[in-house]
Protein backbone atom coordinates (compact mmCIF):
# COMPACT_ATOMS: atom_id res chain seq x y z
CA MET A 1 -25.90 -33.16 21.31
CA LYS A 2 -22.42 -32.41 19.92
CA THR A 3 -23.65 -33.22 16.43
CA LYS A 4 -26.55 -30.76 16.72
CA LEU A 5 -24.30 -27.99 18.03
CA THR A 6 -21.77 -28.62 15.27
CA THR A 7 -24.52 -28.56 12.64
CA ILE A 8 -25.95 -25.28 13.98
CA LEU A 9 -22.50 -23.70 14.06
CA LEU A 10 -21.78 -24.78 10.48
CA VAL A 11 -25.13 -23.43 9.24
CA LEU A 12 -24.55 -20.07 10.92
CA THR A 13 -21.00 -19.85 9.61
CA ALA A 14 -22.09 -20.74 6.07
CA GLY A 15 -24.81 -18.09 6.16
CA VAL A 16 -22.26 -15.39 6.88
CA ALA A 17 -19.63 -16.76 4.51
CA PHE A 18 -21.93 -17.08 1.52
CA GLY A 19 -24.07 -13.99 2.13
CA HIS A 20 -23.40 -10.79 0.25
CA GLY A 21 -21.69 -9.26 3.26
CA GLY A 22 -18.09 -9.59 4.27
CA ILE A 23 -17.08 -6.54 2.27
CA GLU A 24 -14.69 -4.06 3.84
CA LEU A 25 -15.62 -0.40 3.43
CA GLY A 26 -13.07 2.39 3.44
CA PRO A 27 -12.99 5.84 5.02
CA ASN A 28 -15.26 7.24 2.27
CA LYS A 29 -17.70 4.29 2.52
CA GLY A 30 -16.32 2.83 -0.71
CA ARG A 31 -15.54 -0.83 -1.34
CA ILE A 32 -12.01 -1.89 -0.46
CA VAL A 33 -10.12 -4.08 -2.95
CA GLU A 34 -6.74 -5.53 -2.05
CA LEU A 35 -3.92 -4.27 -4.26
CA SER A 36 -1.00 -6.03 -2.57
CA THR A 37 -0.04 -9.48 -1.37
CA ASN A 38 0.68 -8.28 2.18
CA GLU A 39 -2.18 -5.81 2.81
CA THR A 40 0.03 -2.73 2.49
CA MET A 41 -1.90 -1.24 -0.46
CA HIS A 42 -5.65 -1.00 -0.85
CA GLY A 43 -7.96 0.58 -3.37
CA GLU A 44 -11.20 2.23 -2.25
CA VAL A 45 -13.78 2.06 -5.04
CA THR A 46 -16.52 4.68 -5.08
CA GLU A 47 -18.95 5.69 -7.82
CA LYS A 48 -19.85 9.14 -9.06
CA ASP A 49 -21.51 10.24 -12.30
CA GLY A 50 -21.24 6.79 -13.90
CA LYS A 51 -17.51 6.52 -13.21
CA LEU A 52 -15.68 4.42 -10.66
CA HIS A 53 -13.05 6.23 -8.62
CA ILE A 54 -10.26 4.21 -7.04
CA ALA A 55 -8.33 5.98 -4.31
CA LEU A 56 -5.11 4.31 -3.18
CA LEU A 57 -4.78 3.77 0.57
CA ASP A 58 -1.87 2.46 2.64
CA LYS A 59 -2.03 -0.21 5.35
CA ASP A 60 -3.45 2.37 7.79
CA MET A 61 -6.16 3.40 5.27
CA LYS A 62 -4.43 6.76 4.66
CA PRO A 63 -4.35 8.26 1.12
CA VAL A 64 -1.35 7.48 -1.07
CA VAL A 65 -0.03 9.99 -3.61
CA ILE A 66 -0.41 8.78 -7.21
CA ALA A 67 2.97 8.71 -8.94
CA ALA A 68 4.27 5.69 -10.91
CA GLN A 69 1.34 3.40 -10.08
CA GLU A 70 -0.61 1.89 -12.97
CA ILE A 71 -3.97 0.19 -13.20
CA THR A 72 -5.85 -1.45 -16.05
CA ALA A 73 -9.45 -2.58 -15.94
CA THR A 74 -11.25 -5.24 -17.95
CA ALA A 75 -14.93 -6.19 -18.00
CA GLY A 76 -17.17 -8.14 -20.32
CA THR A 77 -17.27 -11.90 -20.70
CA ARG A 78 -14.47 -14.42 -21.02
CA GLU A 79 -15.30 -14.75 -24.70
CA ALA A 80 -15.41 -10.98 -25.29
CA PRO A 81 -13.36 -9.10 -22.68
CA GLU A 82 -13.42 -5.33 -22.95
CA LYS A 83 -10.75 -2.92 -21.69
CA LEU A 84 -12.26 -0.04 -19.75
CA ALA A 85 -10.99 3.52 -20.10
CA VAL A 86 -8.72 4.45 -17.17
CA GLY A 87 -7.56 7.93 -16.25
CA LYS A 88 -5.67 9.43 -13.32
CA SER A 89 -6.92 12.12 -11.00
CA ASP A 90 -5.38 13.93 -8.02
CA THR A 91 -6.80 11.31 -5.68
CA GLY A 92 -6.48 8.09 -7.69
CA PHE A 93 -7.79 6.47 -10.82
CA VAL A 94 -11.04 7.08 -12.71
CA ILE A 95 -12.51 4.14 -14.63
CA SER A 96 -15.55 3.84 -16.85
CA ALA A 97 -18.11 1.77 -14.92
CA PRO A 98 -18.67 -1.69 -16.38
CA PRO A 99 -22.18 -2.75 -17.38
CA ALA A 100 -24.33 -3.75 -14.40
CA GLY A 101 -23.88 -7.33 -13.28
CA GLN A 102 -20.45 -7.82 -14.85
CA TRP A 103 -17.17 -8.61 -13.16
CA MET A 104 -14.42 -6.03 -13.37
CA ILE A 105 -10.84 -7.28 -13.25
CA LEU A 106 -8.26 -4.77 -12.02
CA GLN A 107 -4.56 -5.22 -12.74
CA TYR A 108 -2.47 -3.00 -10.48
CA LYS A 109 1.25 -2.27 -10.56
CA GLU A 110 3.15 -0.22 -7.99
CA ARG A 111 5.51 0.78 -10.81
CA ALA A 112 6.10 -0.32 -14.40
CA ASP A 113 8.59 -3.09 -13.51
CA ALA A 114 6.61 -4.42 -10.50
CA LYS A 115 4.63 -7.63 -10.32
CA THR A 116 0.96 -7.27 -11.32
CA ILE A 117 -1.62 -7.65 -8.55
CA ILE A 118 -5.10 -8.75 -9.66
CA ALA A 119 -8.30 -7.70 -7.89
CA ARG A 120 -11.87 -8.58 -8.86
CA LEU A 121 -15.10 -6.70 -8.28
CA HIS A 122 -18.58 -7.93 -9.16
CA PHE A 123 -20.40 -4.77 -10.23
CA ASN A 124 -23.85 -5.85 -9.04
CA THR A 125 -26.00 -2.69 -8.99
CA LYS A 126 -29.08 -4.34 -7.48
CA VAL A 127 -30.08 -2.43 -4.33
CA CYS A 128 -29.83 -4.27 -1.00
CA ASP A 129 -33.11 -3.83 0.90
CA PRO A 130 -31.72 -3.46 4.45
CA CYS A 131 -28.99 -0.89 3.71
CA LYS A 132 -30.27 0.63 0.45
CA GLN A 133 -26.79 0.40 -1.09
CA PRO A 134 -25.88 -1.32 -4.35
CA GLU A 135 -24.85 -4.93 -3.73
CA TRP A 136 -21.26 -4.25 -4.83
CA ARG A 137 -20.95 -1.90 -1.81
CA CYS A 138 -23.24 -3.70 0.64
CA ALA A 139 -21.67 -4.62 3.96
CA CYS A 140 -24.78 -5.61 5.90
CA ALA A 141 -23.21 -8.75 7.38
CA MET A 142 -20.41 -6.64 8.85
CA LYS A 143 -22.76 -4.72 11.18
């Protein structure tokens, strides 16, 4: 009996862990990426007009003023990585969206002399049937 219960528990846990859910969404329903080692800085990624917008948020998910922070973005393959154009706006950073299905690697610095924090985002644009959101923003398993 214990073996059956353990097996069922493992199957249910694996289903949640390996599903496309488990994504944290921010106050603007964007995807949260961690930009610190101690969860004090987050980036909320949203998409508009073919560009990705990354708003900086503090540990309480409140907006952070953009000052000395820097971010670079890379997409493409390992064999042919491609730097994406990055600009600053009043509310954060604006990045050219990578091609659908590619990984985007973000390198964030609090200031020029700070340690680089790396975040990854799989830009999967396939639409999730239950929530009708692109997979990169789908949080169905969180409901």
